[in-house]
Amino acid sequence: MALRIGLAARALPDVSAKQLLEILIDKLGPPLTEEKLTRVTVTQLKTGLASPDGEEDTEHLDAVTIPNYKEAVRILWGEAEGTELPEARPYGDGDMPGSIRVAIASNVGERMDGHFGSCLHFLVYQVNKQEIRLIDLRSALGAGQADDRNAFRAELIKDCQVLYVVSIGGPAVAKVIKAGVYPMKLSEEAEARDVLAKLQTILDRNPPPWLAKIMGVAAKDRVRFAAAEPLEDRGC
């Protein structure tokens, strides 16, 4: 549901996920369920964005057209491509020796296509030389109601060692690093598993000392990480 609401908000110009969530609760009643979302209508969304006196706030709604409303409703009904999330697999400590935990900022499906401050969710993977396993999906929808959105998002992934994002600002980088996570900024969107396959190559070939330590490599066996062979183009 969080994914549908987040994507539907993006289909409505100048409408935040928090605002749409409040409208849906008001029109459909708490608690929200997937079944309730399938009953939402264009009229409900349109009146929900009207001013308190019942008259449409035309200045606010100029950017929202009927096709926008229809697309938002289609997404909330679960009919739009990308409204379904991949399925996470069970994971227990010790299942994957020498593995690290990686978070990927994502909006649609199993893609690395999210900005840290606005992605809809984080895909969380356990990765070692042999396997890439999706173990969790964490909605970031609640960040819109948090006093510190960056801190809220960093808290969601504090058990991870690495984070991949399309972009991330300086203040957010500081919060992520403080949480013990190493942020990696990639300039282009990509399939999450393609990104992680490249990481697997580095894990197998020549991981930097900090990464080798996380993997459980003994100190005497850790190779010096050459500056000429960066893990990725961080841009952070």
C-alpha atoms as a PDB file:
ATOM      1  CA  MET A   1       0.000   0.000   0.000  1.00  0.00           C
ATOM      2  CA  ALA A   2       2.831   2.386   0.812  1.00  0.00           C
ATOM      3  CA  LEU A   3       4.262   1.916  -2.662  1.00  0.00           C
ATOM      4  CA  ARG A   4       0.897   2.566  -4.326  1.00  0.00           C
ATOM      5  CA  ILE A   5       0.312   5.721  -2.289  1.00  0.00           C
ATOM      6  CA  GLY A   6       3.806   7.003  -2.994  1.00  0.00           C
ATOM      7  CA  LEU A   7       3.527   6.385  -6.736  1.00  0.00           C
ATOM      8  CA  ALA A   8       0.015   7.857  -6.853  1.00  0.00           C
ATOM      9  CA  ALA A   9       1.264  11.033  -5.153  1.00  0.00           C
ATOM     10  CA  ARG A  10       3.907  11.371  -7.851  1.00  0.00           C
ATOM     11  CA  ALA A  11       1.148  11.274 -10.462  1.00  0.00           C
ATOM     12  CA  LEU A  12      -0.460  14.332  -8.809  1.00  0.00           C
ATOM     13  CA  PRO A  13       1.716  17.436  -9.309  1.00  0.00           C
ATOM     14  CA  ASP A  14       2.456  19.381  -6.107  1.00  0.00           C
ATOM     15  CA  VAL A  15       0.787  16.728  -3.920  1.00  0.00           C
ATOM     16  CA  SER A  16       2.960  14.983  -1.331  1.00  0.00           C
ATOM     17  CA  ALA A  17       2.609  11.367  -0.224  1.00  0.00           C
ATOM     18  CA  LYS A  18       1.720  12.615   3.268  1.00  0.00           C
ATOM     19  CA  GLN A  19      -1.066  14.815   1.891  1.00  0.00           C
ATOM     20  CA  LEU A  20      -2.470  12.009  -0.243  1.00  0.00           C
ATOM     21  CA  LEU A  21      -2.345   9.624   2.715  1.00  0.00           C
ATOM     22  CA  GLU A  22      -4.370  12.074   4.823  1.00  0.00           C
ATOM     23  CA  ILE A  23      -6.955  12.440   2.037  1.00  0.00           C
ATOM     24  CA  LEU A  24      -7.308   8.673   1.679  1.00  0.00           C
ATOM     25  CA  ILE A  25      -7.792   8.186   5.422  1.00  0.00           C
ATOM     26  CA  ASP A  26     -10.392  10.961   5.455  1.00  0.00           C
ATOM     27  CA  LYS A  27     -12.313   9.594   2.456  1.00  0.00           C
ATOM     28  CA  LEU A  28     -11.955   5.841   3.066  1.00  0.00           C
ATOM     29  CA  GLY A  29     -11.694   5.735   6.858  1.00  0.00           C
ATOM     30  CA  PRO A  30      -8.982   4.207   9.028  1.00  0.00           C
ATOM     31  CA  PRO A  31      -7.318   1.814   8.872  1.00  0.00           C
ATOM     32  CA  LEU A  32      -6.436   1.814   5.195  1.00  0.00           C
ATOM     33  CA  THR A  33      -6.445  -1.560   3.465  1.00  0.00           C
ATOM     34  CA  GLU A  34      -5.687  -2.721  -0.049  1.00  0.00           C
ATOM     35  CA  GLU A  35      -9.387  -3.492  -0.492  1.00  0.00           C
ATOM     36  CA  LYS A  36     -10.310   0.074   0.453  1.00  0.00           C
ATOM     37  CA  LEU A  37      -7.811   1.488  -2.038  1.00  0.00           C
ATOM     38  CA  THR A  38      -9.595  -0.358  -4.842  1.00  0.00           C
ATOM     39  CA  ARG A  39     -12.725   1.706  -4.080  1.00  0.00           C
ATOM     40  CA  VAL A  40     -11.178   5.176  -4.275  1.00  0.00           C
ATOM     41  CA  THR A  41     -12.568   7.448  -7.012  1.00  0.00           C
ATOM     42  CA  VAL A  42     -11.458  10.477  -8.994  1.00  0.00           C
ATOM     43  CA  THR A  43     -14.191  12.507  -7.272  1.00  0.00           C
ATOM     44  CA  GLN A  44     -12.868  11.599  -3.822  1.00  0.00           C
ATOM     45  CA  LEU A  45      -9.358  12.690  -4.719  1.00  0.00           C
ATOM     46  CA  LYS A  46     -10.607  15.864  -6.376  1.00  0.00           C
ATOM     47  CA  THR A  47     -12.778  16.910  -3.414  1.00  0.00           C
ATOM     48  CA  GLY A  48     -10.041  15.900  -1.000  1.00  0.00           C
ATOM     49  CA  LEU A  49      -7.769  18.506  -2.552  1.00  0.00           C
ATOM     50  CA  ALA A  50     -10.433  21.202  -2.356  1.00  0.00           C
ATOM     51  CA  SER A  51     -10.230  24.052   0.143  1.00  0.00           C
ATOM     52  CA  PRO A  52     -11.891  23.635   3.585  1.00  0.00           C
ATOM     53  CA  ASP A  53     -14.954  25.668   2.542  1.00  0.00           C
ATOM     54  CA  GLY A  54     -15.725  23.147  -0.165  1.00  0.00           C
ATOM     55  CA  GLU A  55     -14.609  25.319  -3.037  1.00  0.00           C
ATOM     56  CA  GLU A  56     -11.737  24.107  -5.174  1.00  0.00           C
ATOM     57  CA  ASP A  57      -8.453  25.829  -4.469  1.00  0.00           C
ATOM     58  CA  THR A  58      -7.845  26.498  -8.144  1.00  0.00           C
ATOM     59  CA  GLU A  59      -4.406  27.977  -7.613  1.00  0.00           C
ATOM     60  CA  HIS A  60      -3.253  24.725  -5.976  1.00  0.00           C
ATOM     61  CA  LEU A  61      -5.078  22.468  -8.445  1.00  0.00           C
ATOM     62  CA  ASP A  62      -4.095  24.128 -11.709  1.00  0.00           C
ATOM     63  CA  ALA A  63      -1.313  21.590 -12.216  1.00  0.00           C
ATOM     64  CA  VAL A  64      -3.565  18.603 -11.452  1.00  0.00           C
ATOM     65  CA  THR A  65      -5.597  17.511 -14.461  1.00  0.00           C
ATOM     66  CA  ILE A  66      -8.237  14.825 -14.893  1.00  0.00           C
ATOM     67  CA  PRO A  67      -5.667  12.472 -16.508  1.00  0.00           C
ATOM     68  CA  ASN A  68      -3.504  12.975 -13.390  1.00  0.00           C
ATOM     69  CA  TYR A  69      -6.396  11.947 -11.158  1.00  0.00           C
ATOM     70  CA  LYS A  70      -7.206   8.935 -13.338  1.00  0.00           C
ATOM     71  CA  GLU A  71      -3.589   7.776 -13.299  1.00  0.00           C
ATOM     72  CA  ALA A  72      -3.423   8.176  -9.511  1.00  0.00           C
ATOM     73  CA  VAL A  73      -6.600   6.125  -9.093  1.00  0.00           C
ATOM     74  CA  ARG A  74      -5.258   3.426 -11.408  1.00  0.00           C
ATOM     75  CA  ILE A  75      -2.110   3.210  -9.320  1.00  0.00           C
ATOM     76  CA  LEU A  76      -4.054   3.058  -6.060  1.00  0.00           C
ATOM     77  CA  TRP A  77      -6.138   0.233  -7.506  1.00  0.00           C
ATOM     78  CA  GLY A  78      -2.919  -1.673  -8.203  1.00  0.00           C
ATOM     79  CA  GLU A  79      -3.353  -1.719 -11.967  1.00  0.00           C
ATOM     80  CA  ALA A  80      -0.255   0.287 -12.931  1.00  0.00           C
ATOM     81  CA  GLU A  81       3.083  -1.251 -13.825  1.00  0.00           C
ATOM     82  CA  GLY A  82       5.532  -0.980 -10.954  1.00  0.00           C
ATOM     83  CA  THR A  83       2.960  -1.037  -8.131  1.00  0.00           C
ATOM     84  CA  GLU A  84       3.968  -4.551  -7.131  1.00  0.00           C
ATOM     85  CA  LEU A  85       7.097  -5.148  -5.090  1.00  0.00           C
ATOM     86  CA  PRO A  86       9.477  -8.084  -5.445  1.00  0.00           C
ATOM     87  CA  GLU A  87       9.231 -10.778  -2.802  1.00  0.00           C
ATOM     88  CA  ALA A  88      11.845 -10.904  -0.051  1.00  0.00           C
ATOM     89  CA  ARG A  89      13.317 -14.244   1.002  1.00  0.00           C
ATOM     90  CA  PRO A  90      13.964 -15.420   4.566  1.00  0.00           C
ATOM     91  CA  TYR A  91      17.412 -14.822   6.011  1.00  0.00           C
ATOM     92  CA  GLY A  92      19.015 -15.888   9.272  1.00  0.00           C
ATOM     93  CA  ASP A  93      22.340 -14.886  10.770  1.00  0.00           C
ATOM     94  CA  GLY A  94      25.065 -17.113   9.395  1.00  0.00           C
ATOM     95  CA  ASP A  95      23.107 -18.162   6.284  1.00  0.00           C
ATOM     96  CA  MET A  96      25.593 -16.469   3.943  1.00  0.00           C
ATOM     97  CA  PRO A  97      29.165 -16.482   5.312  1.00  0.00           C
ATOM     98  CA  GLY A  98      31.300 -13.536   4.254  1.00  0.00           C
ATOM     99  CA  SER A  99      28.275 -11.463   3.285  1.00  0.00           C
ATOM    100  CA  ILE A 100      27.451  -7.781   3.701  1.00  0.00           C
ATOM    101  CA  ARG A 101      24.085  -6.041   3.877  1.00  0.00           C
ATOM    102  CA  VAL A 102      23.268  -3.519   1.167  1.00  0.00           C
ATOM    103  CA  ALA A 103      20.399  -1.028   0.914  1.00  0.00           C
ATOM    104  CA  ILE A 104      19.234   0.309  -2.452  1.00  0.00           C
ATOM    105  CA  ALA A 105      17.047   3.399  -2.815  1.00  0.00           C
ATOM    106  CA  SER A 106      14.181   2.421  -5.096  1.00  0.00           C
ATOM    107  CA  ASN A 107      10.835   3.577  -6.444  1.00  0.00           C
ATOM    108  CA  VAL A 108       9.713   0.917  -8.902  1.00  0.00           C
ATOM    109  CA  GLY A 109      10.191  -2.824  -8.849  1.00  0.00           C
ATOM    110  CA  GLU A 110      13.681  -4.126  -8.206  1.00  0.00           C
ATOM    111  CA  ARG A 111      15.550  -1.070  -9.502  1.00  0.00           C
ATOM    112  CA  MET A 112      18.200   1.291  -8.189  1.00  0.00           C
ATOM    113  CA  ASP A 113      16.319   4.442  -9.224  1.00  0.00           C
ATOM    114  CA  GLY A 114      15.759   6.413  -6.024  1.00  0.00           C
ATOM    115  CA  HIS A 115      17.079   9.596  -4.470  1.00  0.00           C
ATOM    116  CA  PHE A 116      17.806   9.202  -0.764  1.00  0.00           C
ATOM    117  CA  GLY A 117      15.461  11.989   0.299  1.00  0.00           C
ATOM    118  CA  SER A 118      12.501  11.012  -1.881  1.00  0.00           C
ATOM    119  CA  CYS A 119      12.671   7.272  -2.684  1.00  0.00           C
ATOM    120  CA  LEU A 120       9.562   5.285  -1.827  1.00  0.00           C
ATOM    121  CA  HIS A 121      11.397   2.387  -0.226  1.00  0.00           C
ATOM    122  CA  PHE A 122      14.723   0.692   0.354  1.00  0.00           C
ATOM    123  CA  LEU A 123      15.465  -2.757  -1.034  1.00  0.00           C
ATOM    124  CA  VAL A 124      17.713  -4.592   1.431  1.00  0.00           C
ATOM    125  CA  TYR A 125      19.997  -7.349   0.179  1.00  0.00           C
ATOM    126  CA  GLN A 126      22.448  -9.764   1.737  1.00  0.00           C
ATOM    127  CA  VAL A 127      25.368 -10.154  -0.671  1.00  0.00           C
ATOM    128  CA  ASN A 128      28.444 -12.385  -0.754  1.00  0.00           C
ATOM    129  CA  LYS A 129      30.657 -13.734  -3.545  1.00  0.00           C
ATOM    130  CA  GLN A 130      28.181 -16.476  -4.427  1.00  0.00           C
ATOM    131  CA  GLU A 131      24.719 -15.081  -3.810  1.00  0.00           C
ATOM    132  CA  ILE A 132      22.518 -11.979  -3.929  1.00  0.00           C
ATOM    133  CA  ARG A 133      19.461 -12.352  -1.698  1.00  0.00           C
ATOM    134  CA  LEU A 134      16.681  -9.784  -1.262  1.00  0.00           C
ATOM    135  CA  ILE A 135      15.840 -10.076   2.447  1.00  0.00           C
ATOM    136  CA  ASP A 136      13.651  -7.046   3.186  1.00  0.00           C
ATOM    137  CA  LEU A 137      11.704  -4.119   1.731  1.00  0.00           C
ATOM    138  CA  ARG A 138      11.367  -1.020   3.893  1.00  0.00           C
ATOM    139  CA  SER A 139       8.852   1.696   3.134  1.00  0.00           C
ATOM    140  CA  ALA A 140      10.057   5.283   3.508  1.00  0.00           C
ATOM    141  CA  LEU A 141       6.536   6.737   3.408  1.00  0.00           C
ATOM    142  CA  GLY A 142       6.681   7.608   7.109  1.00  0.00           C
ATOM    143  CA  ALA A 143       9.579  10.003   6.495  1.00  0.00           C
ATOM    144  CA  GLY A 144       7.092  12.662   5.413  1.00  0.00           C
ATOM    145  CA  GLN A 145       5.733  12.846   8.960  1.00  0.00           C
ATOM    146  CA  ALA A 146       9.113  12.778  10.724  1.00  0.00           C
ATOM    147  CA  ASP A 147      10.729  15.845  12.276  1.00  0.00           C
ATOM    148  CA  ASP A 148      14.035  14.885  10.641  1.00  0.00           C
ATOM    149  CA  ARG A 149      13.382  13.061   7.365  1.00  0.00           C
ATOM    150  CA  ASN A 150      17.039  12.260   6.713  1.00  0.00           C
ATOM    151  CA  ALA A 151      17.478  10.785  10.190  1.00  0.00           C
ATOM    152  CA  PHE A 152      14.282   8.743   9.742  1.00  0.00           C
ATOM    153  CA  ARG A 153      15.560   7.268   6.489  1.00  0.00           C
ATOM    154  CA  ALA A 154      19.020   6.600   7.910  1.00  0.00           C
ATOM    155  CA  GLU A 155      17.423   4.771  10.828  1.00  0.00           C
ATOM    156  CA  LEU A 156      15.590   2.488   8.377  1.00  0.00           C
ATOM    157  CA  ILE A 157      18.881   1.147   7.002  1.00  0.00           C
ATOM    158  CA  LYS A 158      21.219   1.371   9.995  1.00  0.00           C
ATOM    159  CA  ASP A 159      21.790  -2.409   9.954  1.00  0.00           C
ATOM    160  CA  CYS A 160      23.253  -2.156   6.431  1.00  0.00           C
ATOM    161  CA  GLN A 161      26.889  -1.522   5.558  1.00  0.00           C
ATOM    162  CA  VAL A 162      26.444   0.000   2.092  1.00  0.00           C
ATOM    163  CA  LEU A 163      23.785   2.210   0.483  1.00  0.00           C
ATOM    164  CA  TYR A 164      23.327   2.796  -3.262  1.00  0.00           C
ATOM    165  CA  VAL A 165      21.411   5.891  -4.405  1.00  0.00           C
ATOM    166  CA  VAL A 166      20.947   7.993  -7.540  1.00  0.00           C
ATOM    167  CA  SER A 167      21.643  11.121  -5.490  1.00  0.00           C
ATOM    168  CA  ILE A 168      22.051  12.237  -1.901  1.00  0.00           C
ATOM    169  CA  GLY A 169      22.731  15.643  -0.345  1.00  0.00           C
ATOM    170  CA  GLY A 170      25.504  16.563   2.048  1.00  0.00           C
ATOM    171  CA  PRO A 171      23.396  16.702   5.252  1.00  0.00           C
ATOM    172  CA  ALA A 172      21.889  13.316   4.400  1.00  0.00           C
ATOM    173  CA  VAL A 173      25.344  11.833   3.776  1.00  0.00           C
ATOM    174  CA  ALA A 174      26.352  12.883   7.281  1.00  0.00           C
ATOM    175  CA  LYS A 175      23.280  11.164   8.781  1.00  0.00           C
ATOM    176  CA  VAL A 176      23.898   7.983   6.789  1.00  0.00           C
ATOM    177  CA  ILE A 177      27.575   7.801   7.764  1.00  0.00           C
ATOM    178  CA  LYS A 178      26.678   8.462  11.399  1.00  0.00           C
ATOM    179  CA  ALA A 179      24.386   5.408  11.187  1.00  0.00           C
ATOM    180  CA  GLY A 180      27.406   3.342  10.126  1.00  0.00           C
ATOM    181  CA  VAL A 181      26.427   3.035   6.470  1.00  0.00           C
ATOM    182  CA  TYR A 182      28.744   3.747   3.492  1.00  0.00           C
ATOM    183  CA  PRO A 183      26.809   5.786   0.848  1.00  0.00           C
ATOM    184  CA  MET A 184      27.479   5.139  -2.836  1.00  0.00           C
ATOM    185  CA  LYS A 185      26.049   7.515  -5.471  1.00  0.00           C
ATOM    186  CA  LEU A 186      25.646   6.200  -9.016  1.00  0.00           C
ATOM    187  CA  SER A 187      24.934   8.688 -11.780  1.00  0.00           C
ATOM    188  CA  GLU A 188      22.568   6.430 -13.732  1.00  0.00           C
ATOM    189  CA  GLU A 189      19.604   4.295 -12.761  1.00  0.00           C
ATOM    190  CA  ALA A 190      20.072   0.546 -13.105  1.00  0.00           C
ATOM    191  CA  GLU A 191      18.607  -2.816 -12.213  1.00  0.00           C
ATOM    192  CA  ALA A 192      19.435  -3.490  -8.573  1.00  0.00           C
ATOM    193  CA  ARG A 193      20.882  -6.914  -9.259  1.00  0.00           C
ATOM    194  CA  ASP A 194      23.176  -5.531 -11.979  1.00  0.00           C
ATOM    195  CA  VAL A 195      24.578  -3.062  -9.453  1.00  0.00           C
ATOM    196  CA  LEU A 196      25.062  -5.819  -6.911  1.00  0.00           C
ATOM    197  CA  ALA A 197      26.669  -8.145  -9.465  1.00  0.00           C
ATOM    198  CA  LYS A 198      29.409  -5.535  -9.924  1.00  0.00           C
ATOM    199  CA  LEU A 199      29.786  -5.360  -6.161  1.00  0.00           C
ATOM    200  CA  GLN A 200      30.155  -9.139  -6.072  1.00  0.00           C
ATOM    201  CA  THR A 201      33.092  -8.866  -8.477  1.00  0.00           C
ATOM    202  CA  ILE A 202      34.805  -6.431  -6.113  1.00  0.00           C
ATOM    203  CA  LEU A 203      34.106  -8.669  -3.122  1.00  0.00           C
ATOM    204  CA  ASP A 204      35.711 -11.564  -4.951  1.00  0.00           C
ATOM    205  CA  ARG A 205      38.644  -9.633  -6.413  1.00  0.00           C
ATOM    206  CA  ASN A 206      40.006  -6.920  -4.167  1.00  0.00           C
ATOM    207  CA  PRO A 207      37.706  -5.431  -1.493  1.00  0.00           C
ATOM    208  CA  PRO A 208      38.938  -2.352   0.378  1.00  0.00           C
ATOM    209  CA  PRO A 209      40.082  -3.054   3.962  1.00  0.00           C
ATOM    210  CA  TRP A 210      36.911  -1.674   5.577  1.00  0.00           C
ATOM    211  CA  LEU A 211      34.778  -3.942   3.404  1.00  0.00           C
ATOM    212  CA  ALA A 212      37.046  -6.943   3.912  1.00  0.00           C
ATOM    213  CA  LYS A 213      36.703  -6.452   7.666  1.00  0.00           C
ATOM    214  CA  ILE A 214      32.893  -6.534   7.400  1.00  0.00           C
ATOM    215  CA  MET A 215      33.166  -9.725   5.353  1.00  0.00           C
ATOM    216  CA  GLY A 216      35.143 -11.357   8.152  1.00  0.00           C
ATOM    217  CA  VAL A 217      38.493 -11.476   6.354  1.00  0.00           C
ATOM    218  CA  ALA A 218      41.381 -11.789   8.821  1.00  0.00           C
ATOM    219  CA  ALA A 219      43.550  -8.670   9.179  1.00  0.00           C
ATOM    220  CA  LYS A 220      46.639 -10.433   7.821  1.00  0.00           C
ATOM    221  CA  ASP A 221      44.749 -11.370   4.663  1.00  0.00           C
ATOM    222  CA  ARG A 222      43.327  -7.956   3.867  1.00  0.00           C
ATOM    223  CA  VAL A 223      44.916  -6.380   0.832  1.00  0.00           C
ATOM    224  CA  ARG A 224      45.622  -2.676   0.585  1.00  0.00           C
ATOM    225  CA  PHE A 225      42.918  -0.999  -1.451  1.00  0.00           C
ATOM    226  CA  ALA A 226      44.463   0.891  -4.363  1.00  0.00           C
ATOM    227  CA  ALA A 227      43.149   4.424  -4.865  1.00  0.00           C
ATOM    228  CA  ALA A 228      43.200   3.781  -8.600  1.00  0.00           C
ATOM    229  CA  GLU A 229      40.553   1.075  -8.167  1.00  0.00           C
ATOM    230  CA  PRO A 230      37.591   2.788  -6.470  1.00  0.00           C
ATOM    231  CA  LEU A 231      34.670   0.706  -5.278  1.00  0.00           C
ATOM    232  CA  GLU A 232      32.347   2.924  -7.300  1.00  0.00           C
ATOM    233  CA  ASP A 233      32.056   6.547  -8.344  1.00  0.00           C
ATOM    234  CA  ARG A 234      30.566   7.763  -5.069  1.00  0.00           C
ATOM    235  CA  GLY A 235      30.135  11.424  -5.873  1.00  0.00           C
ATOM    236  CA  CYS A 236      29.310  11.988  -2.199  1.00  0.00           C
END
